[in-house]
Structure formats: C-alpha cells, structure tokens
Amino acid sequence: SQFTLLGDASRGNRPGFQRAAPGEEAEPL
C-alpha cells in the first residue's frame, strides 16, 4: 500500500495527500 502515489505537488514542493483515502477506508480495499 502506497498512499504517496496520490500525492499532488502541482502547487509547490511539498506534496499534499488529500486525495488518498484514510487508513480505515484504504486497508479493506
């Protein structure tokens, strides 16, 4: 599992991970 694949660095140099599902949603999937 790699939530950082959904990182968005289009608005600077520090990626945001708002698109990534929280753990309790992501782990079952």
mmCIF file of all heavy atoms, coordinates in Angstrom:
data_MODEL
# 
_entry.id   MODEL 
# 
loop_
_atom_site.group_PDB 
_atom_site.id 
_atom_site.type_symbol 
_atom_site.label_atom_id 
_atom_site.label_alt_id 
_atom_site.label_comp_id 
_atom_site.label_asym_id 
_atom_site.label_entity_id 
_atom_site.label_seq_id 
_atom_site.pdbx_PDB_ins_code 
_atom_site.Cartn_x 
_atom_site.Cartn_y 
_atom_site.Cartn_z 
_atom_site.occupancy 
_atom_site.B_iso_or_equiv 
_atom_site.pdbx_formal_charge 
_atom_site.auth_seq_id 
_atom_site.auth_comp_id 
_atom_site.auth_asym_id 
_atom_site.auth_atom_id 
_atom_site.pdbx_PDB_model_num 
ATOM 1   N N   . SER A 1 1  ? 0.847   -1.183 0.000  1.00 0.00 ? 1  SER A N   1 
ATOM 2   C CA  . SER A 1 1  ? 0.000   0.000  0.000  1.00 0.00 ? 1  SER A CA  1 
ATOM 3   C C   . SER A 1 1  ? 0.890   1.243  0.000  1.00 0.00 ? 1  SER A C   1 
ATOM 4   O O   . SER A 1 1  ? 1.850   1.325  0.760  1.00 0.00 ? 1  SER A O   1 
ATOM 5   C CB  . SER A 1 1  ? -0.892  -0.006 1.234  1.00 0.00 ? 1  SER A CB  1 
ATOM 6   O OG  . SER A 1 1  ? -1.683  1.161  1.262  1.00 0.00 ? 1  SER A OG  1 
ATOM 7   N N   . GLN A 1 2  ? 0.546   2.222  -0.858 1.00 0.00 ? 2  GLN A N   1 
ATOM 8   C CA  . GLN A 1 2  ? 1.422   3.390  -1.041 1.00 0.00 ? 2  GLN A CA  1 
ATOM 9   C C   . GLN A 1 2  ? 0.569   4.640  -1.232 1.00 0.00 ? 2  GLN A C   1 
ATOM 10  O O   . GLN A 1 2  ? 0.289   5.039  -2.358 1.00 0.00 ? 2  GLN A O   1 
ATOM 11  C CB  . GLN A 1 2  ? 2.309   3.146  -2.269 1.00 0.00 ? 2  GLN A CB  1 
ATOM 12  C CG  . GLN A 1 2  ? 3.253   4.245  -2.608 1.00 0.00 ? 2  GLN A CG  1 
ATOM 13  C CD  . GLN A 1 2  ? 4.575   4.085  -1.913 1.00 0.00 ? 2  GLN A CD  1 
ATOM 14  O OE1 . GLN A 1 2  ? 4.963   3.000  -1.563 1.00 0.00 ? 2  GLN A OE1 1 
ATOM 15  N NE2 . GLN A 1 2  ? 5.266   5.172  -1.732 1.00 0.00 ? 2  GLN A NE2 1 
ATOM 16  N N   . PHE A 1 3  ? 0.144   5.273  -0.139 1.00 0.00 ? 3  PHE A N   1 
ATOM 17  C CA  . PHE A 1 3  ? -0.704  6.458  -0.256 1.00 0.00 ? 3  PHE A CA  1 
ATOM 18  C C   . PHE A 1 3  ? 0.001   7.599  -0.980 1.00 0.00 ? 3  PHE A C   1 
ATOM 19  O O   . PHE A 1 3  ? -0.644  8.452  -1.579 1.00 0.00 ? 3  PHE A O   1 
ATOM 20  C CB  . PHE A 1 3  ? -1.218  6.907  1.119  1.00 0.00 ? 3  PHE A CB  1 
ATOM 21  C CG  . PHE A 1 3  ? -0.213  7.662  1.946  1.00 0.00 ? 3  PHE A CG  1 
ATOM 22  C CD1 . PHE A 1 3  ? -0.151  9.037  1.895  1.00 0.00 ? 3  PHE A CD1 1 
ATOM 23  C CD2 . PHE A 1 3  ? 0.671   6.982  2.782  1.00 0.00 ? 3  PHE A CD2 1 
ATOM 24  C CE1 . PHE A 1 3  ? 0.768   9.745  2.662  1.00 0.00 ? 3  PHE A CE1 1 
ATOM 25  C CE2 . PHE A 1 3  ? 1.578   7.665  3.554  1.00 0.00 ? 3  PHE A CE2 1 
ATOM 26  C CZ  . PHE A 1 3  ? 1.637   9.047  3.494  1.00 0.00 ? 3  PHE A CZ  1 
ATOM 27  N N   . THR A 1 4  ? 1.329   7.621  -0.980 1.00 0.00 ? 4  THR A N   1 
ATOM 28  C CA  . THR A 1 4  ? 2.055   8.721  -1.613 1.00 0.00 ? 4  THR A CA  1 
ATOM 29  C C   . THR A 1 4  ? 1.916   8.723  -3.143 1.00 0.00 ? 4  THR A C   1 
ATOM 30  O O   . THR A 1 4  ? 2.225   9.728  -3.771 1.00 0.00 ? 4  THR A O   1 
ATOM 31  C CB  . THR A 1 4  ? 3.547   8.714  -1.230 1.00 0.00 ? 4  THR A CB  1 
ATOM 32  O OG1 . THR A 1 4  ? 4.129   7.487  -1.632 1.00 0.00 ? 4  THR A OG1 1 
ATOM 33  C CG2 . THR A 1 4  ? 3.722   8.911  0.267  1.00 0.00 ? 4  THR A CG2 1 
ATOM 34  N N   . LEU A 1 5  ? 1.416   7.635  -3.728 1.00 0.00 ? 5  LEU A N   1 
ATOM 35  C CA  . LEU A 1 5  ? 1.139   7.645  -5.173 1.00 0.00 ? 5  LEU A CA  1 
ATOM 36  C C   . LEU A 1 5  ? 0.094   8.687  -5.532 1.00 0.00 ? 5  LEU A C   1 
ATOM 37  O O   . LEU A 1 5  ? 0.014   9.132  -6.663 1.00 0.00 ? 5  LEU A O   1 
ATOM 38  C CB  . LEU A 1 5  ? 0.617   6.273  -5.639 1.00 0.00 ? 5  LEU A CB  1 
ATOM 39  C CG  . LEU A 1 5  ? 1.616   5.172  -5.806 1.00 0.00 ? 5  LEU A CG  1 
ATOM 40  C CD1 . LEU A 1 5  ? 0.909   3.890  -6.232 1.00 0.00 ? 5  LEU A CD1 1 
ATOM 41  C CD2 . LEU A 1 5  ? 2.666   5.537  -6.826 1.00 0.00 ? 5  LEU A CD2 1 
ATOM 42  N N   . LEU A 1 6  ? -0.715  9.064  -4.547 1.00 0.00 ? 6  LEU A N   1 
ATOM 43  C CA  . LEU A 1 6  ? -1.782  10.025 -4.787 1.00 0.00 ? 6  LEU A CA  1 
ATOM 44  C C   . LEU A 1 6  ? -1.378  11.442 -4.385 1.00 0.00 ? 6  LEU A C   1 
ATOM 45  O O   . LEU A 1 6  ? -2.215  12.337 -4.320 1.00 0.00 ? 6  LEU A O   1 
ATOM 46  C CB  . LEU A 1 6  ? -3.036  9.582  -4.041 1.00 0.00 ? 6  LEU A CB  1 
ATOM 47  C CG  . LEU A 1 6  ? -3.555  8.226  -4.527 1.00 0.00 ? 6  LEU A CG  1 
ATOM 48  C CD1 . LEU A 1 6  ? -4.490  7.613  -3.518 1.00 0.00 ? 6  LEU A CD1 1 
ATOM 49  C CD2 . LEU A 1 6  ? -4.196  8.343  -5.880 1.00 0.00 ? 6  LEU A CD2 1 
ATOM 50  N N   . GLY A 1 7  ? -0.085  11.643 -4.129 1.00 0.00 ? 7  GLY A N   1 
ATOM 51  C CA  . GLY A 1 7  ? 0.410   12.966 -3.759 1.00 0.00 ? 7  GLY A CA  1 
ATOM 52  C C   . GLY A 1 7  ? 0.299   13.959 -4.905 1.00 0.00 ? 7  GLY A C   1 
ATOM 53  O O   . GLY A 1 7  ? 0.452   13.612 -6.068 1.00 0.00 ? 7  GLY A O   1 
ATOM 54  N N   . ASP A 1 8  ? 0.030   15.211 -4.557 1.00 0.00 ? 8  ASP A N   1 
ATOM 55  C CA  . ASP A 1 8  ? -0.091  16.284 -5.540 1.00 0.00 ? 8  ASP A CA  1 
ATOM 56  C C   . ASP A 1 8  ? 0.918   17.378 -5.195 1.00 0.00 ? 8  ASP A C   1 
ATOM 57  O O   . ASP A 1 8  ? 0.800   18.033 -4.155 1.00 0.00 ? 8  ASP A O   1 
ATOM 58  C CB  . ASP A 1 8  ? -1.507  16.843 -5.523 1.00 0.00 ? 8  ASP A CB  1 
ATOM 59  C CG  . ASP A 1 8  ? -1.717  17.985 -6.500 1.00 0.00 ? 8  ASP A CG  1 
ATOM 60  O OD1 . ASP A 1 8  ? -0.796  18.288 -7.301 1.00 0.00 ? 8  ASP A OD1 1 
ATOM 61  O OD2 . ASP A 1 8  ? -2.801  18.591 -6.464 1.00 0.00 ? 8  ASP A OD2 1 
ATOM 62  N N   . ALA A 1 9  ? 1.914   17.547 -6.061 1.00 0.00 ? 9  ALA A N   1 
ATOM 63  C CA  . ALA A 1 9  ? 2.931   18.579 -5.851 1.00 0.00 ? 9  ALA A CA  1 
ATOM 64  C C   . ALA A 1 9  ? 2.815   19.686 -6.896 1.00 0.00 ? 9  ALA A C   1 
ATOM 65  O O   . ALA A 1 9  ? 3.777   20.387 -7.182 1.00 0.00 ? 9  ALA A O   1 
ATOM 66  C CB  . ALA A 1 9  ? 4.321   17.958 -5.888 1.00 0.00 ? 9  ALA A CB  1 
ATOM 67  N N   . SER A 1 10 ? 1.632   19.864 -7.462 1.00 0.00 ? 10 SER A N   1 
ATOM 68  C CA  . SER A 1 10 ? 1.451   20.860 -8.523 1.00 0.00 ? 10 SER A CA  1 
ATOM 69  C C   . SER A 1 10 ? 1.488   22.294 -8.009 1.00 0.00 ? 10 SER A C   1 
ATOM 70  O O   . SER A 1 10 ? 1.709   23.218 -8.785 1.00 0.00 ? 10 SER A O   1 
ATOM 71  C CB  . SER A 1 10 ? 0.130   20.613 -9.261 1.00 0.00 ? 10 SER A CB  1 
ATOM 72  O OG  . SER A 1 10 ? -0.968  20.778 -8.383 1.00 0.00 ? 10 SER A OG  1 
ATOM 73  N N   . ARG A 1 11 ? 1.318   22.508 -6.709 1.00 0.00 ? 11 ARG A N   1 
ATOM 74  C CA  . ARG A 1 11 ? 1.269   23.859 -6.161 1.00 0.00 ? 11 ARG A CA  1 
ATOM 75  C C   . ARG A 1 11 ? 2.418   24.137 -5.210 1.00 0.00 ? 11 ARG A C   1 
ATOM 76  O O   . ARG A 1 11 ? 2.261   24.820 -4.218 1.00 0.00 ? 11 ARG A O   1 
ATOM 77  C CB  . ARG A 1 11 ? -0.060  24.064 -5.458 1.00 0.00 ? 11 ARG A CB  1 
ATOM 78  C CG  . ARG A 1 11 ? -1.238  23.832 -6.399 1.00 0.00 ? 11 ARG A CG  1 
ATOM 79  C CD  . ARG A 1 11 ? -2.540  23.991 -5.722 1.00 0.00 ? 11 ARG A CD  1 
ATOM 80  N NE  . ARG A 1 11 ? -2.846  25.413 -5.650 1.00 0.00 ? 11 ARG A NE  1 
ATOM 81  C CZ  . ARG A 1 11 ? -3.689  25.945 -4.814 1.00 0.00 ? 11 ARG A CZ  1 
ATOM 82  N NH1 . ARG A 1 11 ? -4.309  25.191 -3.939 1.00 0.00 ? 11 ARG A NH1 1 
ATOM 83  N NH2 . ARG A 1 11 ? -3.929  27.235 -4.822 1.00 0.00 ? 11 ARG A NH2 1 
ATOM 84  N N   . GLY A 1 12 ? 3.574   23.580 -5.497 1.00 0.00 ? 12 GLY A N   1 
ATOM 85  C CA  . GLY A 1 12 ? 4.722   23.815 -4.636 1.00 0.00 ? 12 GLY A CA  1 
ATOM 86  C C   . GLY A 1 12 ? 5.581   22.578 -4.566 1.00 0.00 ? 12 GLY A C   1 
ATOM 87  O O   . GLY A 1 12 ? 5.442   21.653 -5.358 1.00 0.00 ? 12 GLY A O   1 
ATOM 88  N N   . ASN A 1 13 ? 6.478   22.575 -3.589 1.00 0.00 ? 13 ASN A N   1 
ATOM 89  C CA  . ASN A 1 13 ? 7.425   21.475 -3.462 1.00 0.00 ? 13 ASN A CA  1 
ATOM 90  C C   . ASN A 1 13 ? 7.052   20.464 -2.380 1.00 0.00 ? 13 ASN A C   1 
ATOM 91  O O   . ASN A 1 13 ? 7.714   19.450 -2.242 1.00 0.00 ? 13 ASN A O   1 
ATOM 92  C CB  . ASN A 1 13 ? 8.821   22.027 -3.184 1.00 0.00 ? 13 ASN A CB  1 
ATOM 93  C CG  . ASN A 1 13 ? 9.325   22.832 -4.352 1.00 0.00 ? 13 ASN A CG  1 
ATOM 94  O OD1 . ASN A 1 13 ? 9.049   22.501 -5.501 1.00 0.00 ? 13 ASN A OD1 1 
ATOM 95  N ND2 . ASN A 1 13 ? 10.045  23.899 -4.079 1.00 0.00 ? 13 ASN A ND2 1 
ATOM 96  N N   . ARG A 1 14 ? 6.040   20.744 -1.612 1.00 0.00 ? 14 ARG A N   1 
ATOM 97  C CA  . ARG A 1 14 ? 5.595   19.811 -0.579 1.00 0.00 ? 14 ARG A CA  1 
ATOM 98  C C   . ARG A 1 14 ? 4.280   19.192 -1.041 1.00 0.00 ? 14 ARG A C   1 
ATOM 99  O O   . ARG A 1 14 ? 3.267   19.879 -1.157 1.00 0.00 ? 14 ARG A O   1 
ATOM 100 C CB  . ARG A 1 14 ? 5.387   20.529 0.741  1.00 0.00 ? 14 ARG A CB  1 
ATOM 101 C CG  . ARG A 1 14 ? 4.990   19.573 1.849  1.00 0.00 ? 14 ARG A CG  1 
ATOM 102 C CD  . ARG A 1 14 ? 5.054   20.267 3.214  1.00 0.00 ? 14 ARG A CD  1 
ATOM 103 N NE  . ARG A 1 14 ? 4.794   19.295 4.240  1.00 0.00 ? 14 ARG A NE  1 
ATOM 104 C CZ  . ARG A 1 14 ? 3.652   19.217 4.898  1.00 0.00 ? 14 ARG A CZ  1 
ATOM 105 N NH1 . ARG A 1 14 ? 2.667   20.052 4.646  1.00 0.00 ? 14 ARG A NH1 1 
ATOM 106 N NH2 . ARG A 1 14 ? 3.500   18.293 5.825  1.00 0.00 ? 14 ARG A NH2 1 
ATOM 107 N N   . PRO A 1 15 ? 4.278   17.884 -1.329 1.00 0.00 ? 15 PRO A N   1 
ATOM 108 C CA  . PRO A 1 15 ? 3.053   17.262 -1.827 1.00 0.00 ? 15 PRO A CA  1 
ATOM 109 C C   . PRO A 1 15 ? 1.935   17.260 -0.792 1.00 0.00 ? 15 PRO A C   1 
ATOM 110 O O   . PRO A 1 15 ? 2.180   17.156 0.405  1.00 0.00 ? 15 PRO A O   1 
ATOM 111 C CB  . PRO A 1 15 ? 3.464   15.829 -2.150 1.00 0.00 ? 15 PRO A CB  1 
ATOM 112 C CG  . PRO A 1 15 ? 4.919   15.729 -1.914 1.00 0.00 ? 15 PRO A CG  1 
ATOM 113 C CD  . PRO A 1 15 ? 5.386   16.953 -1.230 1.00 0.00 ? 15 PRO A CD  1 
ATOM 114 N N   . GLY A 1 16 ? 0.716   17.372 -1.302 1.00 0.00 ? 16 GLY A N   1 
ATOM 115 C CA  . GLY A 1 16 ? -0.476  17.209 -0.469 1.00 0.00 ? 16 GLY A CA  1 
ATOM 116 C C   . GLY A 1 16 ? -1.072  15.839 -0.748 1.00 0.00 ? 16 GLY A C   1 
ATOM 117 O O   . GLY A 1 16 ? -1.005  15.336 -1.871 1.00 0.00 ? 16 GLY A O   1 
ATOM 118 N N   . PHE A 1 17 ? -1.668  15.240 0.258  1.00 0.00 ? 17 PHE A N   1 
ATOM 119 C CA  . PHE A 1 17 ? -2.191  13.879 0.123  1.00 0.00 ? 17 PHE A CA  1 
ATOM 120 C C   . PHE A 1 17 ? -3.688  13.810 0.382  1.00 0.00 ? 17 PHE A C   1 
ATOM 121 O O   . PHE A 1 17 ? -4.215  12.789 0.803  1.00 0.00 ? 17 PHE A O   1 
ATOM 122 C CB  . PHE A 1 17 ? -1.426  12.942 1.074  1.00 0.00 ? 17 PHE A CB  1 
ATOM 123 C CG  . PHE A 1 17 ? 0.043   12.915 0.780  1.00 0.00 ? 17 PHE A CG  1 
ATOM 124 C CD1 . PHE A 1 17 ? 0.932   13.589 1.606  1.00 0.00 ? 17 PHE A CD1 1 
ATOM 125 C CD2 . PHE A 1 17 ? 0.529   12.256 -0.330 1.00 0.00 ? 17 PHE A CD2 1 
ATOM 126 C CE1 . PHE A 1 17 ? 2.295   13.589 1.329  1.00 0.00 ? 17 PHE A CE1 1 
ATOM 127 C CE2 . PHE A 1 17 ? 1.886   12.248 -0.613 1.00 0.00 ? 17 PHE A CE2 1 
ATOM 128 C CZ  . PHE A 1 17 ? 2.771   12.917 0.214  1.00 0.00 ? 17 PHE A CZ  1 
ATOM 129 N N   . GLN A 1 18 ? -4.405  14.904 0.080  1.00 0.00 ? 18 GLN A N   1 
ATOM 130 C CA  . GLN A 1 18 ? -5.840  14.966 0.330  1.00 0.00 ? 18 GLN A CA  1 
ATOM 131 C C   . GLN A 1 18 ? -6.617  13.929 -0.474 1.00 0.00 ? 18 GLN A C   1 
ATOM 132 O O   . GLN A 1 18 ? -7.686  13.497 -0.058 1.00 0.00 ? 18 GLN A O   1 
ATOM 133 C CB  . GLN A 1 18 ? -6.393  16.361 0.012  1.00 0.00 ? 18 GLN A CB  1 
ATOM 134 C CG  . GLN A 1 18 ? -5.864  17.448 0.913  1.00 0.00 ? 18 GLN A CG  1 
ATOM 135 C CD  . GLN A 1 18 ? -4.495  17.979 0.498  1.00 0.00 ? 18 GLN A CD  1 
ATOM 136 O OE1 . GLN A 1 18 ? -3.920  17.550 -0.502 1.00 0.00 ? 18 GLN A OE1 1 
ATOM 137 N NE2 . GLN A 1 18 ? -3.967  18.905 1.273  1.00 0.00 ? 18 GLN A NE2 1 
ATOM 138 N N   . ARG A 1 19 ? -6.106  13.507 -1.625 1.00 0.00 ? 19 ARG A N   1 
ATOM 139 C CA  . ARG A 1 19 ? -6.803  12.522 -2.468 1.00 0.00 ? 19 ARG A CA  1 
ATOM 140 C C   . ARG A 1 19 ? -6.715  11.109 -1.900 1.00 0.00 ? 19 ARG A C   1 
ATOM 141 O O   . ARG A 1 19 ? -7.521  10.245 -2.233 1.00 0.00 ? 19 ARG A O   1 
ATOM 142 C CB  . ARG A 1 19 ? -6.230  12.532 -3.884 1.00 0.00 ? 19 ARG A CB  1 
ATOM 143 C CG  . ARG A 1 19 ? -6.569  13.782 -4.660 1.00 0.00 ? 19 ARG A CG  1 
ATOM 144 C CD  . ARG A 1 19 ? -6.086  13.762 -6.106 1.00 0.00 ? 19 ARG A CD  1 
ATOM 145 N NE  . ARG A 1 19 ? -6.298  12.487 -6.750 1.00 0.00 ? 19 ARG A NE  1 
ATOM 146 C CZ  . ARG A 1 19 ? -5.380  11.833 -7.461 1.00 0.00 ? 19 ARG A CZ  1 
ATOM 147 N NH1 . ARG A 1 19 ? -4.182  12.354 -7.620 1.00 0.00 ? 19 ARG A NH1 1 
ATOM 148 N NH2 . ARG A 1 19 ? -5.654  10.686 -8.033 1.00 0.00 ? 19 ARG A NH2 1 
ATOM 149 N N   . ALA A 1 20 ? -5.718  10.842 -1.055 1.00 0.00 ? 20 ALA A N   1 
ATOM 150 C CA  . ALA A 1 20 ? -5.523  9.499  -0.504 1.00 0.00 ? 20 ALA A CA  1 
ATOM 151 C C   . ALA A 1 20 ? -6.602  9.180  0.528  1.00 0.00 ? 20 ALA A C   1 
ATOM 152 O O   . ALA A 1 20 ? -6.983  10.029 1.331  1.00 0.00 ? 20 ALA A O   1 
ATOM 153 C CB  . ALA A 1 20 ? -4.146  9.390  0.138  1.00 0.00 ? 20 ALA A CB  1 
ATOM 154 N N   . ALA A 1 21 ? -7.093  7.954  0.473  1.00 0.00 ? 21 ALA A N   1 
ATOM 155 C CA  . ALA A 1 21 ? -8.097  7.514  1.440  1.00 0.00 ? 21 ALA A CA  1 
ATOM 156 C C   . ALA A 1 21 ? -7.458  7.361  2.817  1.00 0.00 ? 21 ALA A C   1 
ATOM 157 O O   . ALA A 1 21 ? -6.297  6.946  2.930  1.00 0.00 ? 21 ALA A O   1 
ATOM 158 C CB  . ALA A 1 21 ? -8.693  6.181  0.991  1.00 0.00 ? 21 ALA A CB  1 
ATOM 159 N N   . PRO A 1 22 ? -8.200  7.668  3.871  1.00 0.00 ? 22 PRO A N   1 
ATOM 160 C CA  . PRO A 1 22 ? -7.676  7.416  5.224  1.00 0.00 ? 22 PRO A CA  1 
ATOM 161 C C   . PRO A 1 22 ? -7.525  5.909  5.438  1.00 0.00 ? 22 PRO A C   1 
ATOM 162 O O   . PRO A 1 22 ? -8.168  5.097  4.763  1.00 0.00 ? 22 PRO A O   1 
ATOM 163 C CB  . PRO A 1 22 ? -8.737  8.022  6.144  1.00 0.00 ? 22 PRO A CB  1 
ATOM 164 C CG  . PRO A 1 22 ? -9.976  8.118  5.324  1.00 0.00 ? 22 PRO A CG  1 
ATOM 165 C CD  . PRO A 1 22 ? -9.537  8.236  3.891  1.00 0.00 ? 22 PRO A CD  1 
ATOM 166 N N   . GLY A 1 23 ? -6.682  5.528  6.367  1.00 0.00 ? 23 GLY A N   1 
ATOM 167 C CA  . GLY A 1 23 ? -6.357  4.127  6.608  1.00 0.00 ? 23 GLY A CA  1 
ATOM 168 C C   . GLY A 1 23 ? -7.560  3.220  6.788  1.00 0.00 ? 23 GLY A C   1 
ATOM 169 O O   . GLY A 1 23 ? -7.604  2.122  6.228  1.00 0.00 ? 23 GLY A O   1 
ATOM 170 N N   . GLU A 1 24 ? -8.549  3.673  7.540  1.00 0.00 ? 24 GLU A N   1 
ATOM 171 C CA  . GLU A 1 24 ? -9.709  2.818  7.799  1.00 0.00 ? 24 GLU A CA  1 
ATOM 172 C C   . GLU A 1 24 ? -10.539 2.557  6.541  1.00 0.00 ? 24 GLU A C   1 
ATOM 173 O O   . GLU A 1 24 ? -11.247 1.565  6.450  1.00 0.00 ? 24 GLU A O   1 
ATOM 174 C CB  . GLU A 1 24 ? -10.588 3.373  8.930  1.00 0.00 ? 24 GLU A CB  1 
ATOM 175 C CG  . GLU A 1 24 ? -11.183 4.739  8.679  1.00 0.00 ? 24 GLU A CG  1 
ATOM 176 C CD  . GLU A 1 24 ? -10.277 5.914  9.061  1.00 0.00 ? 24 GLU A CD  1 
ATOM 177 O OE1 . GLU A 1 24 ? -9.123  5.696  9.463  1.00 0.00 ? 24 GLU A OE1 1 
ATOM 178 O OE2 . GLU A 1 24 ? -10.742 7.059  8.937  1.00 0.00 ? 24 GLU A OE2 1 
ATOM 179 N N   . GLU A 1 25 ? -10.429 3.440  5.554  1.00 0.00 ? 25 GLU A N   1 
ATOM 180 C CA  . GLU A 1 25 ? -11.100 3.240  4.261  1.00 0.00 ? 25 GLU A CA  1 
ATOM 181 C C   . GLU A 1 25 ? -10.197 2.461  3.301  1.00 0.00 ? 25 GLU A C   1 
ATOM 182 O O   . GLU A 1 25 ? -10.663 1.615  2.538  1.00 0.00 ? 25 GLU A O   1 
ATOM 183 C CB  . GLU A 1 25 ? -11.445 4.610  3.652  1.00 0.00 ? 25 GLU A CB  1 
ATOM 184 C CG  . GLU A 1 25 ? -12.194 4.566  2.351  1.00 0.00 ? 25 GLU A CG  1 
ATOM 185 C CD  . GLU A 1 25 ? -12.468 5.967  1.790  1.00 0.00 ? 25 GLU A CD  1 
ATOM 186 O OE1 . GLU A 1 25 ? -12.525 6.948  2.565  1.00 0.00 ? 25 GLU A OE1 1 
ATOM 187 O OE2 . GLU A 1 25 ? -12.611 6.068  0.564  1.00 0.00 ? 25 GLU A OE2 1 
ATOM 188 N N   . ALA A 1 26 ? -8.910  2.740  3.345  1.00 0.00 ? 26 ALA A N   1 
ATOM 189 C CA  . ALA A 1 26 ? -7.971  2.144  2.397  1.00 0.00 ? 26 ALA A CA  1 
ATOM 190 C C   . ALA A 1 26 ? -7.633  0.692  2.698  1.00 0.00 ? 26 ALA A C   1 
ATOM 191 O O   . ALA A 1 26 ? -7.520  -0.122 1.774  1.00 0.00 ? 26 ALA A O   1 
ATOM 192 C CB  . ALA A 1 26 ? -6.688  2.975  2.352  1.00 0.00 ? 26 ALA A CB  1 
ATOM 193 N N   . GLU A 1 27 ? -7.468  0.346  3.968  1.00 0.00 ? 27 GLU A N   1 
ATOM 194 C CA  . GLU A 1 27 ? -6.991  -1.004 4.295  1.00 0.00 ? 27 GLU A CA  1 
ATOM 195 C C   . GLU A 1 27 ? -7.912  -2.119 3.794  1.00 0.00 ? 27 GLU A C   1 
ATOM 196 O O   . GLU A 1 27 ? -7.418  -3.100 3.213  1.00 0.00 ? 27 GLU A O   1 
ATOM 197 C CB  . GLU A 1 27 ? -6.738  -1.144 5.790  1.00 0.00 ? 27 GLU A CB  1 
ATOM 198 C CG  . GLU A 1 27 ? -6.057  -2.457 6.132  1.00 0.00 ? 27 GLU A CG  1 
ATOM 199 C CD  . GLU A 1 27 ? -5.591  -2.538 7.572  1.00 0.00 ? 27 GLU A CD  1 
ATOM 200 O OE1 . GLU A 1 27 ? -5.998  -1.700 8.403  1.00 0.00 ? 27 GLU A OE1 1 
ATOM 201 O OE2 . GLU A 1 27 ? -4.797  -3.451 7.868  1.00 0.00 ? 27 GLU A OE2 1 
ATOM 202 N N   . PRO A 1 28 ? -9.243  -2.027 3.963  1.00 0.00 ? 28 PRO A N   1 
ATOM 203 C CA  . PRO A 1 28 ? -10.084 -3.103 3.433  1.00 0.00 ? 28 PRO A CA  1 
ATOM 204 C C   . PRO A 1 28 ? -9.992  -3.235 1.907  1.00 0.00 ? 28 PRO A C   1 
ATOM 205 O O   . PRO A 1 28 ? -10.051 -4.350 1.373  1.00 0.00 ? 28 PRO A O   1 
ATOM 206 C CB  . PRO A 1 28 ? -11.503 -2.718 3.857  1.00 0.00 ? 28 PRO A CB  1 
ATOM 207 C CG  . PRO A 1 28 ? -11.349 -1.719 4.940  1.00 0.00 ? 28 PRO A CG  1 
ATOM 208 C CD  . PRO A 1 28 ? -10.026 -1.051 4.719  1.00 0.00 ? 28 PRO A CD  1 
ATOM 209 N N   . LEU A 1 29 ? -9.819  -2.118 1.205  1.00 0.00 ? 29 LEU A N   1 
ATOM 210 C CA  . LEU A 1 29 ? -9.700  -2.170 -0.257 1.00 0.00 ? 29 LEU A CA  1 
ATOM 211 C C   . LEU A 1 29 ? -8.342  -2.731 -0.674 1.00 0.00 ? 29 LEU A C   1 
ATOM 212 O O   . LEU A 1 29 ? -8.244  -3.463 -1.661 1.00 0.00 ? 29 LEU A O   1 
ATOM 213 C CB  . LEU A 1 29 ? -9.943  -0.792 -0.860 1.00 0.00 ? 29 LEU A CB  1 
ATOM 214 C CG  . LEU A 1 29 ? -11.370 -0.269 -0.682 1.00 0.00 ? 29 LEU A CG  1 
ATOM 215 C CD1 . LEU A 1 29 ? -11.488 1.165  -1.190 1.00 0.00 ? 29 LEU A CD1 1 
ATOM 216 C CD2 . LEU A 1 29 ? -12.377 -1.172 -1.378 1.00 0.00 ? 29 LEU A CD2 1 
# 
